[in-house]
Amino acid sequence: MSRPDTPQLNIRSSFARERAGELARSTGLTTTQIVEDALRAYLPPSWGPPHIKLIRKGALLVRPRRGREVSLDDANAALDETRSEQR
């Protein structure tokens, strides 16, 4: 006699198991329904709009350079101007 092929999901996290059970009891749904609803609602974290491409510079992810270069003197002058406006 063959066994029916039923899908299963084993939850090894005690927190996840307990929380799914609590939600099932409080809502009257089954634990399976709770897990299915949670998975339907889940959206993975994103890095921002897909048109922004980041490149790695050492340990940092930065936008690629476009347009004119900013010299150190220009950057320091802009910082000094901003700081003097804030006082």
PDB file of N, CA and C in Angstrom:
ATOM      1  N   MET A   1       0.839  -1.172   0.000  1.00  0.00           N
ATOM      2  CA  MET A   1       0.000   0.000   0.000  1.00  0.00           C
ATOM      3  C   MET A   1       0.891   1.244   0.000  1.00  0.00           C
ATOM      4  N   SER A   2       0.652   2.175  -0.912  1.00  0.00           N
ATOM      5  CA  SER A   2       1.503   3.357  -1.016  1.00  0.00           C
ATOM      6  C   SER A   2       0.971   4.482  -0.131  1.00  0.00           C
ATOM      7  N   ARG A   3       1.888   5.293   0.327  1.00  0.00           N
ATOM      8  CA  ARG A   3       1.527   6.444   1.154  1.00  0.00           C
ATOM      9  C   ARG A   3       1.203   7.627   0.253  1.00  0.00           C
ATOM     10  N   PRO A   4       0.236   8.451   0.673  1.00  0.00           N
ATOM     11  CA  PRO A   4      -0.028   9.661  -0.113  1.00  0.00           C
ATOM     12  C   PRO A   4       1.132  10.631   0.016  1.00  0.00           C
ATOM     13  N   ASP A   5       1.425  11.337  -1.051  1.00  0.00           N
ATOM     14  CA  ASP A   5       2.525  12.301  -1.066  1.00  0.00           C
ATOM     15  C   ASP A   5       1.987  13.663  -0.629  1.00  0.00           C
ATOM     16  N   THR A   6       2.063  13.948   0.669  1.00  0.00           N
ATOM     17  CA  THR A   6       1.561  15.226   1.184  1.00  0.00           C
ATOM     18  C   THR A   6       2.725  16.156   1.470  1.00  0.00           C
ATOM     19  N   PRO A   7       2.631  17.397   1.018  1.00  0.00           N
ATOM     20  CA  PRO A   7       3.701  18.362   1.292  1.00  0.00           C
ATOM     21  C   PRO A   7       3.791  18.641   2.796  1.00  0.00           C
ATOM     22  N   GLN A   8       5.003  18.841   3.281  1.00  0.00           N
ATOM     23  CA  GLN A   8       5.219  19.144   4.686  1.00  0.00           C
ATOM     24  C   GLN A   8       6.253  20.251   4.816  1.00  0.00           C
ATOM     25  N   LEU A   9       6.128  20.961   5.913  1.00  0.00           N
ATOM     26  CA  LEU A   9       7.112  21.988   6.250  1.00  0.00           C
ATOM     27  C   LEU A   9       7.459  21.796   7.721  1.00  0.00           C
ATOM     28  N   ASN A  10       8.704  21.527   8.004  1.00  0.00           N
ATOM     29  CA  ASN A  10       9.135  21.345   9.388  1.00  0.00           C
ATOM     30  C   ASN A  10       9.665  22.665   9.911  1.00  0.00           C
ATOM     31  N   ILE A  11       9.108  23.116  11.029  1.00  0.00           N
ATOM     32  CA  ILE A  11       9.543  24.364  11.655  1.00  0.00           C
ATOM     33  C   ILE A  11      10.405  24.006  12.850  1.00  0.00           C
ATOM     34  N   ARG A  12      11.666  24.379  12.795  1.00  0.00           N
ATOM     35  CA  ARG A  12      12.598  24.051  13.865  1.00  0.00           C
ATOM     36  C   ARG A  12      12.737  25.175  14.884  1.00  0.00           C
ATOM     37  N   SER A  13      12.233  26.343  14.555  1.00  0.00           N
ATOM     38  CA  SER A  13      12.323  27.483  15.464  1.00  0.00           C
ATOM     39  C   SER A  13      11.198  27.395  16.488  1.00  0.00           C
ATOM     40  N   SER A  14      11.551  27.366  17.765  1.00  0.00           N
ATOM     41  CA  SER A  14      10.511  27.292  18.801  1.00  0.00           C
ATOM     42  C   SER A  14       9.679  28.576  18.815  1.00  0.00           C
ATOM     43  N   PHE A  15      10.310  29.720  18.563  1.00  0.00           N
ATOM     44  CA  PHE A  15       9.552  30.974  18.507  1.00  0.00           C
ATOM     45  C   PHE A  15       8.513  30.934  17.400  1.00  0.00           C
ATOM     46  N   ALA A  16       8.928  30.530  16.186  1.00  0.00           N
ATOM     47  CA  ALA A  16       8.012  30.501  15.049  1.00  0.00           C
ATOM     48  C   ALA A  16       6.870  29.528  15.300  1.00  0.00           C
ATOM     49  N   ARG A  17       7.171  28.374  15.863  1.00  0.00           N
ATOM     50  CA  ARG A  17       6.144  27.374  16.134  1.00  0.00           C
ATOM     51  C   ARG A  17       5.141  27.894  17.162  1.00  0.00           C
ATOM     52  N   GLU A  18       5.653  28.481  18.249  1.00  0.00           N
ATOM     53  CA  GLU A  18       4.766  29.008  19.296  1.00  0.00           C
ATOM     54  C   GLU A  18       3.928  30.180  18.791  1.00  0.00           C
ATOM     55  N   ARG A  19       4.556  31.085  18.046  1.00  0.00           N
ATOM     56  CA  ARG A  19       3.832  32.262  17.544  1.00  0.00           C
ATOM     57  C   ARG A  19       2.767  31.866  16.533  1.00  0.00           C
ATOM     58  N   ALA A  20       3.081  30.932  15.641  1.00  0.00           N
ATOM     59  CA  ALA A  20       2.078  30.459  14.681  1.00  0.00           C
ATOM     60  C   ALA A  20       0.916  29.799  15.413  1.00  0.00           C
ATOM     61  N   GLY A  21       1.204  29.046  16.461  1.00  0.00           N
ATOM     62  CA  GLY A  21       0.150  28.420  17.252  1.00  0.00           C
ATOM     63  C   GLY A  21      -0.718  29.441  17.968  1.00  0.00           C
ATOM     64  N   GLU A  22      -0.074  30.481  18.556  1.00  0.00           N
ATOM     65  CA  GLU A  22      -0.833  31.551  19.225  1.00  0.00           C
ATOM     66  C   GLU A  22      -1.764  32.251  18.251  1.00  0.00           C
ATOM     67  N   LEU A  23      -1.238  32.590  17.081  1.00  0.00           N
ATOM     68  CA  LEU A  23      -2.063  33.270  16.075  1.00  0.00           C
ATOM     69  C   LEU A  23      -3.207  32.383  15.596  1.00  0.00           C
ATOM     70  N   ALA A  24      -2.930  31.092  15.443  1.00  0.00           N
ATOM     71  CA  ALA A  24      -3.974  30.167  15.005  1.00  0.00           C
ATOM     72  C   ALA A  24      -5.094  30.091  16.048  1.00  0.00           C
ATOM     73  N   ARG A  25      -4.725  30.003  17.314  1.00  0.00           N
ATOM     74  CA  ARG A  25      -5.744  29.932  18.365  1.00  0.00           C
ATOM     75  C   ARG A  25      -6.554  31.218  18.462  1.00  0.00           C
ATOM     76  N   SER A  26      -5.882  32.366  18.334  1.00  0.00           N
ATOM     77  CA  SER A  26      -6.592  33.637  18.499  1.00  0.00           C
ATOM     78  C   SER A  26      -7.448  34.004  17.287  1.00  0.00           C
ATOM     79  N   THR A  27      -7.115  33.485  16.115  1.00  0.00           N
ATOM     80  CA  THR A  27      -7.882  33.832  14.910  1.00  0.00           C
ATOM     81  C   THR A  27      -8.861  32.754  14.485  1.00  0.00           C
ATOM     82  N   GLY A  28      -8.687  31.551  14.993  1.00  0.00           N
ATOM     83  CA  GLY A  28      -9.551  30.457  14.577  1.00  0.00           C
ATOM     84  C   GLY A  28      -9.114  29.825  13.272  1.00  0.00           C
ATOM     85  N   LEU A  29      -7.973  30.227  12.750  1.00  0.00           N
ATOM     86  CA  LEU A  29      -7.426  29.631  11.533  1.00  0.00           C
ATOM     87  C   LEU A  29      -6.525  28.467  11.916  1.00  0.00           C
ATOM     88  N   THR A  30      -6.137  27.690  10.931  1.00  0.00           N
ATOM     89  CA  THR A  30      -5.172  26.628  11.194  1.00  0.00           C
ATOM     90  C   THR A  30      -3.761  27.221  11.128  1.00  0.00           C
ATOM     91  N   THR A  31      -2.828  26.497  11.700  1.00  0.00           N
ATOM     92  CA  THR A  31      -1.432  26.942  11.650  1.00  0.00           C
ATOM     93  C   THR A  31      -0.958  27.033  10.203  1.00  0.00           C
ATOM     94  N   THR A  32      -1.401  26.104   9.375  1.00  0.00           N
ATOM     95  CA  THR A  32      -1.037  26.125   7.954  1.00  0.00           C
ATOM     96  C   THR A  32      -1.535  27.403   7.292  1.00  0.00           C
ATOM     97  N   GLN A  33      -2.763  27.809   7.595  1.00  0.00           N
ATOM     98  CA  GLN A  33      -3.306  29.036   7.011  1.00  0.00           C
ATOM     99  C   GLN A  33      -2.518  30.261   7.475  1.00  0.00           C
ATOM    100  N   ILE A  34      -2.123  30.274   8.730  1.00  0.00           N
ATOM    101  CA  ILE A  34      -1.319  31.388   9.261  1.00  0.00           C
ATOM    102  C   ILE A  34       0.004  31.481   8.502  1.00  0.00           C
ATOM    103  N   VAL A  35       0.688  30.351   8.345  1.00  0.00           N
ATOM    104  CA  VAL A  35       1.986  30.341   7.658  1.00  0.00           C
ATOM    105  C   VAL A  35       1.813  30.738   6.192  1.00  0.00           C
ATOM    106  N   GLU A  36       0.774  30.242   5.540  1.00  0.00           N
ATOM    107  CA  GLU A  36       0.544  30.594   4.131  1.00  0.00           C
ATOM    108  C   GLU A  36       0.289  32.087   3.980  1.00  0.00           C
ATOM    109  N   ASP A  37      -0.542  32.673   4.869  1.00  0.00           N
ATOM    110  CA  ASP A  37      -0.814  34.113   4.802  1.00  0.00           C
ATOM    111  C   ASP A  37       0.456  34.927   5.027  1.00  0.00           C
ATOM    112  N   ALA A  38       1.273  34.486   5.988  1.00  0.00           N
ATOM    113  CA  ALA A  38       2.519  35.206   6.266  1.00  0.00           C
ATOM    114  C   ALA A  38       3.459  35.149   5.064  1.00  0.00           C
ATOM    115  N   LEU A  39       3.539  34.009   4.416  1.00  0.00           N
ATOM    116  CA  LEU A  39       4.422  33.878   3.255  1.00  0.00           C
ATOM    117  C   LEU A  39       3.899  34.667   2.064  1.00  0.00           C
ATOM    118  N   ARG A  40       2.581  34.748   1.909  1.00  0.00           N
ATOM    119  CA  ARG A  40       2.026  35.563   0.819  1.00  0.00           C
ATOM    120  C   ARG A  40       2.330  37.044   1.034  1.00  0.00           C
ATOM    121  N   ALA A  41       2.314  37.480   2.290  1.00  0.00           N
ATOM    122  CA  ALA A  41       2.506  38.897   2.594  1.00  0.00           C
ATOM    123  C   ALA A  41       3.977  39.301   2.625  1.00  0.00           C
ATOM    124  N   TYR A  42       4.883  38.338   2.696  1.00  0.00           N
ATOM    125  CA  TYR A  42       6.301  38.651   2.835  1.00  0.00           C
ATOM    126  C   TYR A  42       6.877  39.242   1.558  1.00  0.00           C
ATOM    127  N   LEU A  43       7.594  40.344   1.709  1.00  0.00           N
ATOM    128  CA  LEU A  43       8.358  40.935   0.607  1.00  0.00           C
ATOM    129  C   LEU A  43       9.811  41.011   1.055  1.00  0.00           C
ATOM    130  N   PRO A  44      10.721  40.461   0.281  1.00  0.00           N
ATOM    131  CA  PRO A  44      12.120  40.529   0.685  1.00  0.00           C
ATOM    132  C   PRO A  44      12.606  41.976   0.690  1.00  0.00           C
ATOM    133  N   PRO A  45      13.551  42.284   1.576  1.00  0.00           N
ATOM    134  CA  PRO A  45      14.075  43.654   1.607  1.00  0.00           C
ATOM    135  C   PRO A  45      14.729  44.014   0.278  1.00  0.00           C
ATOM    136  N   SER A  46      14.585  45.264  -0.105  1.00  0.00           N
ATOM    137  CA  SER A  46      15.165  45.690  -1.379  1.00  0.00           C
ATOM    138  C   SER A  46      16.265  46.710  -1.121  1.00  0.00           C
ATOM    139  N   TRP A  47      17.096  46.898  -2.103  1.00  0.00           N
ATOM    140  CA  TRP A  47      18.207  47.843  -2.014  1.00  0.00           C
ATOM    141  C   TRP A  47      17.850  49.173  -2.633  1.00  0.00           C
ATOM    142  N   GLY A  48      16.597  49.416  -2.901  1.00  0.00           N
ATOM    143  CA  GLY A  48      16.203  50.664  -3.535  1.00  0.00           C
ATOM    144  C   GLY A  48      15.701  50.400  -4.930  1.00  0.00           C
ATOM    145  N   PRO A  49      15.438  51.444  -5.647  1.00  0.00           N
ATOM    146  CA  PRO A  49      14.931  51.268  -7.003  1.00  0.00           C
ATOM    147  C   PRO A  49      15.904  50.460  -7.861  1.00  0.00           C
ATOM    148  N   PRO A  50      15.381  49.600  -8.742  1.00  0.00           N
ATOM    149  CA  PRO A  50      16.272  48.748  -9.525  1.00  0.00           C
ATOM    150  C   PRO A  50      17.141  49.507 -10.518  1.00  0.00           C
ATOM    151  N   HIS A  51      16.816  50.773 -10.822  1.00  0.00           N
ATOM    152  CA  HIS A  51      17.629  51.494 -11.794  1.00  0.00           C
ATOM    153  C   HIS A  51      18.929  52.020 -11.180  1.00  0.00           C
ATOM    154  N   ILE A  52      19.039  51.981  -9.867  1.00  0.00           N
ATOM    155  CA  ILE A  52      20.278  52.437  -9.221  1.00  0.00           C
ATOM    156  C   ILE A  52      21.215  51.243  -9.100  1.00  0.00           C
ATOM    157  N   LYS A  53      22.320  51.315  -9.763  1.00  0.00           N
ATOM    158  CA  LYS A  53      23.313  50.254  -9.707  1.00  0.00           C
ATOM    159  C   LYS A  53      24.403  50.684  -8.730  1.00  0.00           C
ATOM    160  N   LEU A  54      24.702  49.838  -7.774  1.00  0.00           N
ATOM    161  CA  LEU A  54      25.751  50.135  -6.811  1.00  0.00           C
ATOM    162  C   LEU A  54      26.984  49.329  -7.162  1.00  0.00           C
ATOM    163  N   ILE A  55      28.138  49.923  -6.890  1.00  0.00           N
ATOM    164  CA  ILE A  55      29.396  49.230  -7.112  1.00  0.00           C
ATOM    165  C   ILE A  55      30.159  49.209  -5.792  1.00  0.00           C
ATOM    166  N   ARG A  56      31.014  48.229  -5.644  1.00  0.00           N
ATOM    167  CA  ARG A  56      31.760  48.083  -4.402  1.00  0.00           C
ATOM    168  C   ARG A  56      33.071  48.867  -4.494  1.00  0.00           C
ATOM    169  N   LYS A  57      33.289  49.713  -3.500  1.00  0.00           N
ATOM    170  CA  LYS A  57      34.564  50.430  -3.334  1.00  0.00           C
ATOM    171  C   LYS A  57      35.090  50.055  -1.962  1.00  0.00           C
ATOM    172  N   GLY A  58      35.951  49.069  -1.916  1.00  0.00           N
ATOM    173  CA  GLY A  58      36.418  48.572  -0.623  1.00  0.00           C
ATOM    174  C   GLY A  58      35.265  47.891   0.098  1.00  0.00           C
ATOM    175  N   ALA A  59      34.977  48.332   1.325  1.00  0.00           N
ATOM    176  CA  ALA A  59      33.897  47.742   2.109  1.00  0.00           C
ATOM    177  C   ALA A  59      32.563  48.441   1.877  1.00  0.00           C
ATOM    178  N   LEU A  60      32.542  49.475   1.032  1.00  0.00           N
ATOM    179  CA  LEU A  60      31.336  50.268   0.822  1.00  0.00           C
ATOM    180  C   LEU A  60      30.688  49.973  -0.516  1.00  0.00           C
ATOM    181  N   LEU A  61      29.351  50.113  -0.547  1.00  0.00           N
ATOM    182  CA  LEU A  61      28.619  50.101  -1.809  1.00  0.00           C
ATOM    183  C   LEU A  61      28.280  51.544  -2.140  1.00  0.00           C
ATOM    184  N   VAL A  62      28.673  52.006  -3.317  1.00  0.00           N
ATOM    185  CA  VAL A  62      28.472  53.399  -3.710  1.00  0.00           C
ATOM    186  C   VAL A  62      27.870  53.456  -5.103  1.00  0.00           C
ATOM    187  N   ARG A  63      27.285  54.612  -5.415  1.00  0.00           N
ATOM    188  CA  ARG A  63      26.793  54.822  -6.774  1.00  0.00           C
ATOM    189  C   ARG A  63      27.980  55.063  -7.696  1.00  0.00           C
ATOM    190  N   PRO A  64      27.903  54.583  -8.917  1.00  0.00           N
ATOM    191  CA  PRO A  64      29.004  54.851  -9.844  1.00  0.00           C
ATOM    192  C   PRO A  64      29.079  56.341 -10.175  1.00  0.00           C
ATOM    193  N   ARG A  65      30.268  56.801 -10.461  1.00  0.00           N
ATOM    194  CA  ARG A  65      30.492  58.214 -10.753  1.00  0.00           C
ATOM    195  C   ARG A  65      29.891  58.569 -12.103  1.00  0.00           C
ATOM    196  N   ARG A  66      29.158  59.678 -12.121  1.00  0.00           N
ATOM    197  CA  ARG A  66      28.607  60.184 -13.386  1.00  0.00           C
ATOM    198  C   ARG A  66      28.808  61.697 -13.391  1.00  0.00           C
ATOM    199  N   GLY A  67      29.088  62.228 -14.529  1.00  0.00           N
ATOM    200  CA  GLY A  67      29.235  63.674 -14.626  1.00  0.00           C
ATOM    201  C   GLY A  67      30.602  64.142 -14.171  1.00  0.00           C
ATOM    202  N   ARG A  68      30.633  65.380 -13.697  1.00  0.00           N
ATOM    203  CA  ARG A  68      31.925  65.985 -13.363  1.00  0.00           C
ATOM    204  C   ARG A  68      32.467  65.486 -12.037  1.00  0.00           C
ATOM    205  N   GLU A  69      33.770  65.561 -11.906  1.00  0.00           N
ATOM    206  CA  GLU A  69      34.419  65.196 -10.654  1.00  0.00           C
ATOM    207  C   GLU A  69      34.401  66.385  -9.716  1.00  0.00           C
ATOM    208  N   VAL A  70      34.305  66.115  -8.434  1.00  0.00           N
ATOM    209  CA  VAL A  70      34.355  67.161  -7.417  1.00  0.00           C
ATOM    210  C   VAL A  70      35.713  67.046  -6.738  1.00  0.00           C
ATOM    211  N   SER A  71      36.437  68.130  -6.745  1.00  0.00           N
ATOM    212  CA  SER A  71      37.767  68.103  -6.138  1.00  0.00           C
ATOM    213  C   SER A  71      37.632  68.235  -4.616  1.00  0.00           C
ATOM    214  N   LEU A  72      38.697  67.904  -3.922  1.00  0.00           N
ATOM    215  CA  LEU A  72      38.704  68.019  -2.462  1.00  0.00           C
ATOM    216  C   LEU A  72      38.506  69.471  -2.039  1.00  0.00           C
ATOM    217  N   ASP A  73      39.110  70.393  -2.747  1.00  0.00           N
ATOM    218  CA  ASP A  73      38.956  71.811  -2.418  1.00  0.00           C
ATOM    219  C   ASP A  73      37.505  72.270  -2.591  1.00  0.00           C
ATOM    220  N   ASP A  74      36.851  71.827  -3.681  1.00  0.00           N
ATOM    221  CA  ASP A  74      35.447  72.174  -3.898  1.00  0.00           C
ATOM    222  C   ASP A  74      34.560  71.599  -2.799  1.00  0.00           C
ATOM    223  N   ALA A  75      34.822  70.358  -2.407  1.00  0.00           N
ATOM    224  CA  ALA A  75      34.022  69.714  -1.358  1.00  0.00           C
ATOM    225  C   ALA A  75      34.204  70.426  -0.029  1.00  0.00           C
ATOM    226  N   ASN A  76      35.451  70.767   0.308  1.00  0.00           N
ATOM    227  CA  ASN A  76      35.708  71.477   1.569  1.00  0.00           C
ATOM    228  C   ASN A  76      35.072  72.861   1.565  1.00  0.00           C
ATOM    229  N   ALA A  77      35.114  73.547   0.437  1.00  0.00           N
ATOM    230  CA  ALA A  77      34.488  74.869   0.350  1.00  0.00           C
ATOM    231  C   ALA A  77      32.981  74.765   0.541  1.00  0.00           C
ATOM    232  N   ALA A  78      32.360  73.768  -0.050  1.00  0.00           N
ATOM    233  CA  ALA A  78      30.916  73.585   0.101  1.00  0.00           C
ATOM    234  C   ALA A  78      30.566  73.240   1.545  1.00  0.00           C
ATOM    235  N   LEU A  79      31.376  72.415   2.187  1.00  0.00           N
ATOM    236  CA  LEU A  79      31.139  72.087   3.592  1.00  0.00           C
ATOM    237  C   LEU A  79      31.280  73.317   4.482  1.00  0.00           C
ATOM    238  N   ASP A  80      32.329  74.106   4.262  1.00  0.00           N
ATOM    239  CA  ASP A  80      32.538  75.321   5.046  1.00  0.00           C
ATOM    240  C   ASP A  80      31.362  76.290   4.875  1.00  0.00           C
ATOM    241  N   GLU A  81      30.887  76.434   3.645  1.00  0.00           N
ATOM    242  CA  GLU A  81      29.747  77.332   3.380  1.00  0.00           C
ATOM    243  C   GLU A  81      28.499  76.856   4.108  1.00  0.00           C
ATOM    244  N   THR A  82      28.246  75.562   4.067  1.00  0.00           N
ATOM    245  CA  THR A  82      27.064  75.009   4.743  1.00  0.00           C
ATOM    246  C   THR A  82      27.169  75.180   6.247  1.00  0.00           C
ATOM    247  N   ARG A  83      28.351  74.955   6.795  1.00  0.00           N
ATOM    248  CA  ARG A  83      28.545  75.091   8.243  1.00  0.00           C
ATOM    249  C   ARG A  83      28.379  76.526   8.688  1.00  0.00           C
ATOM    250  N   SER A  84      28.846  77.491   7.885  1.00  0.00           N
ATOM    251  CA  SER A  84      28.707  78.887   8.271  1.00  0.00           C
ATOM    252  C   SER A  84      27.244  79.337   8.192  1.00  0.00           C
ATOM    253  N   GLU A  85      26.460  78.761   7.297  1.00  0.00           N
ATOM    254  CA  GLU A  85      25.031  79.083   7.199  1.00  0.00           C
ATOM    255  C   GLU A  85      24.251  78.539   8.384  1.00  0.00           C
ATOM    256  N   GLN A  86      24.690  77.435   8.972  1.00  0.00           N
ATOM    257  CA  GLN A  86      23.990  76.812  10.078  1.00  0.00           C
ATOM    258  C   GLN A  86      24.203  77.519  11.408  1.00  0.00           C
ATOM    259  N   ARG A  87      25.211  78.372  11.499  1.00  0.00           N
ATOM    260  CA  ARG A  87      25.520  79.051  12.776  1.00  0.00           C
ATOM    261  C   ARG A  87      24.637  80.218  13.006  1.00  0.00           C
TER     262      ARG A  87
END
